[in-house]
């Protein structure tokens, strides 16, 4: 009888990078930048080494960006300050996933600044 160890984590930097890059679906299709990384994280967090840490960072970034958008929309009435906030959210939402996908492919931990730790 063969005993199979179910607790062995595999190292898959490609999947970690893909999880970060799927956040860019917001810019391509208009949706999916939150759902697809969430599905990847939930389905492979117990089998891929580092996926739990990277998945939490991805979800925290997406929730933080959503909060910043909700705050920036009413701030448009304050001398256009909300437009600067929305531009900042768009830039951060595009640049940070790319930077962290490169970090994940190199085996480093994610680094999302200005992110509120929800999860």
Protein backbone atom coordinates (compact mmCIF):
# COMPACT_ATOMS: atom_id res chain seq x y z
CA UNK A 1 0.00 0.00 0.00
CA UNK A 2 1.41 3.37 -1.04
CA UNK A 3 1.04 6.38 1.23
CA UNK A 4 0.61 9.68 -0.58
CA UNK A 5 1.51 12.83 1.32
CA UNK A 6 -1.16 15.44 0.61
CA UNK A 7 0.67 18.23 2.45
CA UNK A 8 3.48 18.70 -0.07
CA UNK A 9 3.47 22.19 -1.56
CA UNK A 10 4.80 22.62 -5.07
CA UNK A 11 6.74 25.68 -6.14
CA UNK A 12 5.04 27.34 -9.13
CA UNK A 13 6.29 30.87 -9.76
CA UNK A 14 4.51 30.97 -13.12
CA UNK A 15 1.10 30.54 -11.50
CA UNK A 16 1.96 33.24 -8.97
CA UNK A 17 2.87 35.61 -11.80
CA UNK A 18 -0.29 34.77 -13.72
CA UNK A 19 -2.37 35.43 -10.60
CA UNK A 20 -0.87 38.92 -10.38
CA UNK A 21 -1.31 39.61 -14.08
CA UNK A 22 -4.97 38.58 -14.10
CA UNK A 23 -5.68 41.77 -12.19
CA UNK A 24 -5.18 43.59 -15.49
CA UNK A 25 -8.41 42.08 -16.83
CA UNK A 26 -10.13 45.26 -15.61
CA UNK A 27 -8.28 47.16 -18.31
CA UNK A 28 -8.92 44.62 -21.06
CA UNK A 29 -12.48 43.41 -20.50
CA UNK A 30 -13.85 45.81 -17.87
CA UNK A 31 -14.42 43.05 -15.33
CA UNK A 32 -12.72 39.95 -13.98
CA UNK A 33 -9.76 41.65 -12.33
CA UNK A 34 -11.11 40.68 -8.91
CA UNK A 35 -12.93 37.41 -9.63
CA UNK A 36 -10.22 35.57 -11.59
CA UNK A 37 -7.39 36.15 -9.04
CA UNK A 38 -9.82 35.20 -6.27
CA UNK A 39 -10.62 31.90 -8.00
CA UNK A 40 -6.93 31.17 -8.62
CA UNK A 41 -6.08 31.95 -5.00
CA UNK A 42 -8.90 29.88 -3.51
CA UNK A 43 -8.26 26.89 -5.75
CA UNK A 44 -4.49 26.67 -5.27
CA UNK A 45 -3.64 28.24 -1.92
CA UNK A 46 -3.12 24.86 -0.27
CA UNK A 47 -1.11 23.31 -3.09
CA UNK A 48 1.23 26.07 -4.29
CA UNK A 49 3.98 27.43 -2.08
CA UNK A 50 3.51 31.17 -1.48
CA UNK A 51 0.06 31.37 -3.07
CA UNK A 52 -1.65 32.22 0.21
CA UNK A 53 0.62 35.22 0.76
CA UNK A 54 0.38 36.42 -2.84
CA UNK A 55 -3.38 35.82 -3.03
CA UNK A 56 -4.03 37.82 0.10
CA UNK A 57 -1.89 40.66 -1.26
CA UNK A 58 -3.84 40.62 -4.53
CA UNK A 59 -7.24 40.68 -2.84
CA UNK A 60 -6.13 43.41 -0.43
CA UNK A 61 -4.95 45.53 -3.36
CA UNK A 62 -8.20 45.11 -5.26
CA UNK A 63 -10.31 45.95 -2.21
CA UNK A 64 -8.11 48.96 -1.43
CA UNK A 65 -8.39 50.25 -5.00
CA UNK A 66 -12.16 49.84 -4.85
CA UNK A 67 -12.26 51.83 -1.61
CA UNK A 68 -10.06 54.55 -3.12
CA UNK A 69 -12.40 54.79 -6.12
CA UNK A 70 -15.45 55.09 -3.88
CA UNK A 71 -13.76 57.89 -1.92
CA UNK A 72 -12.49 59.65 -5.06
CA UNK A 73 -15.85 59.89 -6.84
CA UNK A 74 -17.47 62.29 -4.35
CA UNK A 75 -14.14 64.14 -4.08
CA UNK A 76 -14.55 65.24 -7.70
CA UNK A 77 -16.80 67.99 -6.37
CA UNK A 78 -13.87 69.32 -4.32
CA UNK A 79 -12.06 71.27 -7.04
CA UNK A 80 -11.42 68.15 -9.10
CA UNK A 81 -9.39 66.47 -6.37
CA UNK A 82 -11.19 63.22 -7.09
CA UNK A 83 -9.91 63.23 -10.67
CA UNK A 84 -6.35 63.15 -9.34
CA UNK A 85 -7.36 60.28 -7.04
CA UNK A 86 -8.94 58.32 -9.89
CA UNK A 87 -5.86 58.87 -12.04
CA UNK A 88 -3.67 57.63 -9.19
CA UNK A 89 -5.85 54.55 -8.73
CA UNK A 90 -5.66 53.80 -12.46
CA UNK A 91 -1.86 54.11 -12.46
CA UNK A 92 -1.40 52.03 -9.29
CA UNK A 93 -3.84 49.40 -10.52
CA UNK A 94 -1.85 49.02 -13.72
CA UNK A 95 1.76 49.26 -12.48
CA UNK A 96 1.65 47.31 -9.19
CA UNK A 97 0.39 44.00 -10.65
CA UNK A 98 3.13 44.05 -13.29
CA UNK A 99 5.85 44.83 -10.75
CA UNK A 100 4.63 42.11 -8.40
CA UNK A 101 4.31 39.57 -11.22
CA UNK A 102 8.01 40.09 -11.90
CA UNK A 103 8.74 39.79 -8.18
CA UNK A 104 6.71 36.56 -8.01
CA UNK A 105 8.54 35.08 -10.98
CA UNK A 106 11.82 35.80 -9.16
CA UNK A 107 10.56 34.07 -6.01
CA UNK A 108 10.21 37.27 -3.95
CA UNK A 109 7.31 38.23 -1.71
CA UNK A 110 4.74 40.75 -2.96
CA UNK A 111 5.08 44.42 -2.13
CA UNK A 112 1.90 46.45 -2.47
CA UNK A 113 2.23 49.83 -0.83
CA UNK A 114 -0.83 51.96 0.00
CA UNK A 115 -2.76 48.74 0.54
CA UNK A 116 -5.11 48.25 3.48
CA UNK A 117 -4.80 44.71 4.95
CA UNK A 118 -8.43 43.51 4.80
CA UNK A 119 -7.71 39.77 4.51
